[in-house]
Amino acid sequence: MIRFSKYIWVYIILSSFVLIPGLYSLIVWGLRPSIDFTGGTLMELKFEKNMSAEEIQAIAKTQSIEFIEVIQNENNVYTMRLKPMPDSVVETFQQSLQKDAGKIEIIKKDTVGPTIGKELLYKTVVASVFVIFAILSYVAYAFKSVKYGIAAVASLVHDMLIMFSSFSLLGHFMGIEVDTLFVTAFLTTMSFSVHDTIIIFDRIREFRKKDARMKLTDISDVAMTETIGRSLVNSFTIIFMLLALVLMGGMTVRWFAVALLIGTVTGTYSSPFIATPVLLLLDTLEKKKNENR
């Protein structure tokens, strides 16, 4: 049996090492929303001739088109974000670009209205709150104790903060945006995070039924020792697949795979090293409260 409960301070330091700079980034810089949330047109075009971002913006001004940003990538590929406008205006702008840039290849073109963007953001927030409440209620009911539900949600919030703060840093330093695929990865991570937690909690419940006099710290150490190998094997099968997508997948799914990879790693870590210590803390506080009565 490994005495995991003796190293709670190590888990706090590890989590703080990741969370503190991430939360700073999240508070100061925030996330970089894609047009899925803000509304507008996103175009990724490949030009036959090289053009500067200033030249592209000058052509746009002649047609009263407002750019949010223009990014020049490699091989004459340009990523452009435009404010919401009719498709006919966007097509006219593309035709104007062809006069100076030569043949244009459309790699990607997405248009989202501002109303749809706000609705998507609202639904994302509602879905997240619903999932947290549902998990808290279900785990508390399944284990006949609210502290199990609170511990599961604590690890879930830990994983959510790491995902958001990671993409805040990626957005600030690399220009990575959060879109609908990020929301999908985020909600998937929420379910995966609780998966291993329930396995550990279920093993703790089994041991408590066998010997109610045994300390919860000893029970949790035994439960984590018996389940850690299974959790790691299960998680690494997913991690290897996601690494393959990150390294060899296309750009359209790369950052989706990165989000899932971050969520998988944090979910594997938080179940034994966040949820279980929180459960031990809540159990200690409950005992002290009962003793003072």
Protein backbone atom coordinates (compact mmCIF):
# COMPACT_ATOMS: atom_id res chain seq x y z
CA MET A 1 0.00 0.00 0.00
CA ILE A 2 1.27 3.45 -0.98
CA ARG A 3 0.69 6.21 1.57
CA PHE A 4 -0.76 8.77 -0.85
CA SER A 5 -2.39 10.72 1.99
CA LYS A 6 1.03 11.71 3.40
CA TYR A 7 1.89 13.80 0.34
CA ILE A 8 -1.14 16.08 0.09
CA TRP A 9 1.12 19.15 0.29
CA VAL A 10 2.94 17.91 -2.83
CA TYR A 11 -0.34 17.77 -4.76
CA ILE A 12 -1.17 21.31 -3.62
CA ILE A 13 2.22 22.59 -4.83
CA LEU A 14 1.89 20.84 -8.21
CA SER A 15 -1.61 22.19 -8.80
CA SER A 16 -0.59 25.69 -7.67
CA PHE A 17 2.42 25.62 -10.01
CA VAL A 18 0.02 25.18 -12.95
CA LEU A 19 -3.00 27.12 -11.72
CA ILE A 20 -1.40 30.36 -10.49
CA PRO A 21 0.13 31.50 -13.84
CA GLY A 22 -2.93 30.16 -15.67
CA LEU A 23 -5.39 32.06 -13.48
CA TYR A 24 -3.29 35.21 -13.83
CA SER A 25 -3.51 34.84 -17.61
CA LEU A 26 -7.24 34.14 -17.43
CA ILE A 27 -7.91 37.24 -15.29
CA VAL A 28 -5.59 39.63 -17.14
CA TRP A 29 -5.87 38.44 -20.76
CA GLY A 30 -8.94 36.21 -20.73
CA LEU A 31 -9.80 33.81 -23.52
CA ARG A 32 -9.56 34.57 -27.22
CA PRO A 33 -13.06 33.85 -28.60
CA SER A 34 -13.54 32.72 -32.18
CA ILE A 35 -16.30 33.98 -34.48
CA ASP A 36 -18.44 31.13 -33.14
CA PHE A 37 -19.00 33.37 -30.09
CA THR A 38 -18.41 36.90 -31.40
CA GLY A 39 -20.06 36.57 -34.81
CA GLY A 40 -18.44 37.55 -38.10
CA THR A 41 -16.55 35.93 -40.97
CA LEU A 42 -13.35 33.93 -40.72
CA MET A 43 -11.46 33.35 -43.96
CA GLU A 44 -8.24 31.48 -44.57
CA LEU A 45 -6.97 32.27 -48.06
CA LYS A 46 -3.89 31.26 -50.03
CA PHE A 47 -2.63 33.91 -52.46
CA GLU A 48 -0.64 33.35 -55.60
CA LYS A 49 1.39 36.48 -54.88
CA ASN A 50 2.75 37.80 -51.61
CA MET A 51 0.88 40.72 -50.02
CA SER A 52 1.36 42.55 -46.76
CA ALA A 53 -1.37 42.82 -44.15
CA GLU A 54 -1.39 46.60 -44.67
CA GLU A 55 -2.16 46.18 -48.39
CA ILE A 56 -5.05 43.84 -47.62
CA GLN A 57 -6.48 46.26 -45.07
CA ALA A 58 -6.15 49.14 -47.54
CA ILE A 59 -8.26 47.24 -50.09
CA ALA A 60 -10.80 46.48 -47.38
CA LYS A 61 -11.08 50.16 -46.42
CA THR A 62 -11.98 51.13 -49.99
CA GLN A 63 -15.05 48.89 -49.60
CA SER A 64 -15.83 49.99 -46.01
CA ILE A 65 -15.01 46.53 -44.67
CA GLU A 66 -13.95 46.40 -41.02
CA PHE A 67 -11.24 43.89 -40.14
CA ILE A 68 -10.82 42.50 -36.66
CA GLU A 69 -7.40 41.18 -37.59
CA VAL A 70 -5.24 39.89 -40.45
CA ILE A 71 -2.58 37.25 -39.79
CA GLN A 72 0.02 36.36 -42.42
CA ASN A 73 1.05 32.71 -42.20
CA GLU A 74 3.58 30.71 -44.19
CA ASN A 75 3.35 30.05 -47.96
CA ASN A 76 1.23 33.17 -48.66
CA VAL A 77 -1.62 31.93 -46.47
CA TYR A 78 -3.62 34.65 -44.71
CA THR A 79 -6.14 34.32 -41.88
CA MET A 80 -8.69 37.13 -41.80
CA ARG A 81 -11.39 37.89 -39.26
CA LEU A 82 -14.07 40.32 -40.39
CA LYS A 83 -16.98 41.86 -38.54
CA PRO A 84 -20.48 40.59 -39.45
CA MET A 85 -21.46 41.61 -42.99
CA PRO A 86 -23.48 40.24 -45.95
CA ASP A 87 -21.97 37.43 -48.05
CA SER A 88 -22.19 39.60 -51.16
CA VAL A 89 -19.80 42.15 -49.59
CA VAL A 90 -17.34 39.39 -48.65
CA GLU A 91 -17.42 37.98 -52.20
CA THR A 92 -16.81 41.43 -53.69
CA PHE A 93 -13.83 41.85 -51.36
CA GLN A 94 -12.39 38.50 -52.51
CA GLN A 95 -12.73 39.59 -56.16
CA SER A 96 -10.90 42.84 -55.36
CA LEU A 97 -8.07 40.90 -53.74
CA GLN A 98 -7.61 38.77 -56.86
CA LYS A 99 -6.61 41.82 -58.87
CA ASP A 100 -3.48 42.29 -56.74
CA ALA A 101 -2.91 38.83 -55.27
CA GLY A 102 -3.57 36.76 -58.38
CA LYS A 103 -5.28 33.39 -58.02
CA ILE A 104 -6.86 32.88 -54.57
CA GLU A 105 -7.49 29.47 -53.01
CA ILE A 106 -10.14 29.41 -50.27
CA ILE A 107 -8.88 27.07 -47.54
CA LYS A 108 -11.54 27.92 -44.97
CA LYS A 109 -14.53 30.24 -44.80
CA ASP A 110 -16.99 30.42 -41.90
CA THR A 111 -19.68 33.00 -41.23
CA VAL A 112 -21.60 33.26 -37.97
CA GLY A 113 -24.21 35.88 -37.10
CA PRO A 114 -23.81 37.84 -33.84
CA THR A 115 -27.15 36.51 -32.53
CA ILE A 116 -26.06 32.88 -33.01
CA GLY A 117 -22.74 33.62 -31.31
CA LYS A 118 -24.45 35.04 -28.20
CA GLU A 119 -26.91 32.14 -28.13
CA LEU A 120 -24.07 29.61 -28.31
CA LEU A 121 -22.23 31.31 -25.43
CA TYR A 122 -25.41 31.30 -23.33
CA LYS A 123 -26.06 27.61 -24.02
CA THR A 124 -22.45 26.74 -23.16
CA VAL A 125 -22.71 28.43 -19.76
CA VAL A 126 -26.10 26.83 -19.04
CA ALA A 127 -24.83 23.37 -20.04
CA SER A 128 -21.74 23.73 -17.82
CA VAL A 129 -23.77 24.79 -14.77
CA PHE A 130 -26.26 21.99 -15.37
CA VAL A 131 -23.49 19.38 -15.63
CA ILE A 132 -21.86 20.56 -12.39
CA PHE A 133 -25.17 20.50 -10.51
CA ALA A 134 -26.12 17.10 -11.98
CA ILE A 135 -22.76 15.55 -11.05
CA LEU A 136 -22.92 16.99 -7.52
CA SER A 137 -26.45 15.64 -7.02
CA TYR A 138 -25.79 12.25 -8.57
CA VAL A 139 -22.53 11.51 -6.70
CA ALA A 140 -24.02 12.73 -3.41
CA TYR A 141 -27.06 10.48 -3.94
CA ALA A 142 -25.02 7.46 -5.09
CA PHE A 143 -22.67 7.59 -2.09
CA LYS A 144 -25.30 8.84 0.39
CA SER A 145 -23.15 11.82 1.40
CA VAL A 146 -22.85 15.39 0.11
CA LYS A 147 -19.09 15.44 0.83
CA TYR A 148 -18.52 12.89 -1.96
CA GLY A 149 -20.37 15.14 -4.38
CA ILE A 150 -18.44 18.23 -3.26
CA ALA A 151 -15.11 16.38 -3.62
CA ALA A 152 -16.04 15.23 -7.15
CA VAL A 153 -17.05 18.76 -8.17
CA ALA A 154 -13.83 20.17 -6.64
CA SER A 155 -11.72 17.98 -8.92
CA LEU A 156 -14.00 18.90 -11.82
CA VAL A 157 -13.56 22.64 -11.20
CA HIS A 158 -9.78 22.06 -10.91
CA ASP A 159 -9.76 20.48 -14.39
CA MET A 160 -11.98 23.21 -15.84
CA LEU A 161 -9.68 25.96 -14.55
CA ILE A 162 -6.60 24.25 -15.99
CA MET A 163 -8.26 23.87 -19.40
CA PHE A 164 -9.43 27.48 -19.51
CA SER A 165 -6.18 28.91 -18.17
CA SER A 166 -4.12 26.80 -20.61
CA PHE A 167 -6.07 28.15 -23.58
CA SER A 168 -5.83 31.65 -22.15
CA LEU A 169 -2.03 31.34 -22.27
CA LEU A 170 -2.17 29.74 -25.74
CA GLY A 171 -4.46 32.53 -26.93
CA HIS A 172 -2.20 35.28 -25.63
CA PHE A 173 1.12 33.89 -26.85
CA MET A 174 0.07 31.87 -29.93
CA GLY A 175 -3.23 33.42 -30.98
CA ILE A 176 -5.23 30.22 -30.40
CA GLU A 177 -8.99 30.81 -30.25
CA VAL A 178 -11.70 28.93 -28.37
CA ASP A 179 -14.53 27.70 -30.59
CA THR A 180 -17.32 25.12 -30.61
CA LEU A 181 -14.78 22.28 -30.73
CA PHE A 182 -13.23 23.62 -27.52
CA VAL A 183 -16.69 23.57 -25.91
CA THR A 184 -17.07 19.94 -27.01
CA ALA A 185 -13.68 19.05 -25.52
CA PHE A 186 -14.52 20.98 -22.37
CA LEU A 187 -17.81 19.14 -21.78
CA THR A 188 -16.18 15.79 -22.61
CA THR A 189 -13.46 16.50 -20.05
CA MET A 190 -16.08 17.19 -17.41
CA SER A 191 -17.47 13.67 -17.80
CA PHE A 192 -14.05 12.03 -18.04
CA SER A 193 -12.84 13.83 -14.92
CA VAL A 194 -15.55 12.27 -12.77
CA HIS A 195 -15.11 8.79 -14.26
CA ASP A 196 -11.95 7.85 -12.31
CA THR A 197 -13.18 9.71 -9.24
CA ILE A 198 -16.24 7.49 -8.98
CA ILE A 199 -14.08 4.37 -9.31
CA ILE A 200 -11.94 5.44 -6.34
CA PHE A 201 -14.96 6.52 -4.28
CA ASP A 202 -16.70 3.22 -4.99
CA ARG A 203 -13.67 1.28 -3.75
CA ILE A 204 -13.58 3.47 -0.61
CA ARG A 205 -17.25 2.67 0.01
CA GLU A 206 -16.57 -1.07 -0.33
CA PHE A 207 -13.77 -0.97 2.24
CA ARG A 208 -15.84 1.11 4.67
CA LYS A 209 -18.58 -1.51 4.54
CA LYS A 210 -16.05 -4.24 5.37
CA ASP A 211 -14.45 -2.37 8.26
CA ALA A 212 -16.22 0.76 9.52
CA ARG A 213 -13.58 1.29 12.23
CA MET A 214 -10.75 1.71 9.73
CA LYS A 215 -9.55 5.30 9.22
CA LEU A 216 -10.64 7.00 6.02
CA THR A 217 -7.02 7.97 5.27
CA ASP A 218 -5.99 4.29 5.35
CA ILE A 219 -9.00 3.27 3.28
CA SER A 220 -8.30 5.94 0.66
CA ASP A 221 -4.64 4.88 0.44
CA VAL A 222 -5.66 1.27 -0.20
CA ALA A 223 -8.32 2.30 -2.72
CA MET A 224 -5.93 4.55 -4.63
CA THR A 225 -3.18 1.92 -4.61
CA GLU A 226 -5.53 -0.66 -6.10
CA THR A 227 -7.04 1.63 -8.75
CA ILE A 228 -4.08 3.78 -9.83
CA GLY A 229 -2.69 1.18 -12.22
CA ARG A 230 -6.02 0.68 -13.94
CA SER A 231 -6.56 4.45 -14.26
CA LEU A 232 -3.12 5.01 -15.78
CA VAL A 233 -3.49 2.21 -18.32
CA ASN A 234 -6.93 3.47 -19.32
CA SER A 235 -5.75 7.08 -19.61
CA PHE A 236 -2.57 6.31 -21.57
CA THR A 237 -4.56 4.51 -24.28
CA ILE A 238 -6.45 7.79 -24.79
CA ILE A 239 -3.35 9.97 -24.43
CA PHE A 240 -1.44 8.05 -27.14
CA MET A 241 -4.33 8.46 -29.58
CA LEU A 242 -4.64 12.18 -28.84
CA LEU A 243 -0.88 12.69 -29.19
CA ALA A 244 -1.11 11.13 -32.65
CA LEU A 245 -3.87 13.59 -33.57
CA VAL A 246 -1.89 16.55 -32.20
CA LEU A 247 1.32 15.60 -34.02
CA MET A 248 -0.07 14.23 -37.28
CA GLY A 249 -3.67 15.43 -37.50
CA GLY A 250 -4.88 18.35 -39.59
CA MET A 251 -5.12 21.92 -38.33
CA THR A 252 -8.91 21.71 -38.08
CA VAL A 253 -8.75 19.12 -35.27
CA ARG A 254 -5.30 19.83 -33.78
CA TRP A 255 -6.37 22.25 -31.05
CA PHE A 256 -9.46 20.19 -30.34
CA ALA A 257 -7.11 17.26 -29.69
CA VAL A 258 -4.87 19.50 -27.55
CA ALA A 259 -7.88 20.49 -25.42
CA LEU A 260 -8.86 16.84 -24.98
CA LEU A 261 -5.26 15.93 -24.16
CA ILE A 262 -5.06 18.59 -21.45
CA GLY A 263 -8.41 17.44 -20.09
CA THR A 264 -7.39 13.77 -20.08
CA VAL A 265 -4.11 14.42 -18.26
CA THR A 266 -5.69 16.72 -15.66
CA GLY A 267 -8.64 14.35 -15.21
CA THR A 268 -6.30 11.44 -14.55
CA TYR A 269 -4.37 13.53 -12.03
CA SER A 270 -7.28 15.19 -10.25
CA SER A 271 -9.27 12.06 -9.43
CA PRO A 272 -6.74 10.59 -6.96
CA PHE A 273 -4.81 13.74 -6.05
CA ILE A 274 -7.56 16.40 -5.82
CA ALA A 275 -10.89 14.66 -5.23
CA THR A 276 -9.61 12.20 -2.62
CA PRO A 277 -7.68 14.79 -0.51
CA VAL A 278 -10.76 17.06 -0.60
CA LEU A 279 -12.86 14.13 0.62
CA LEU A 280 -10.40 13.54 3.47
CA LEU A 281 -10.48 17.23 4.37
CA LEU A 282 -14.29 17.31 4.41
CA ASP A 283 -14.39 14.14 6.51
CA THR A 284 -11.98 15.69 9.04
CA LEU A 285 -14.06 18.88 9.25
CA GLU A 286 -17.24 16.83 9.69
CA LYS A 287 -15.71 14.87 12.58
CA LYS A 288 -14.52 18.05 14.31
CA LYS A 289 -17.96 19.58 13.90
CA ASN A 290 -19.60 16.50 15.44
CA GLU A 291 -17.12 16.48 18.35
CA ASN A 292 -17.88 20.13 19.18
CA ARG A 293 -21.60 19.48 19.46
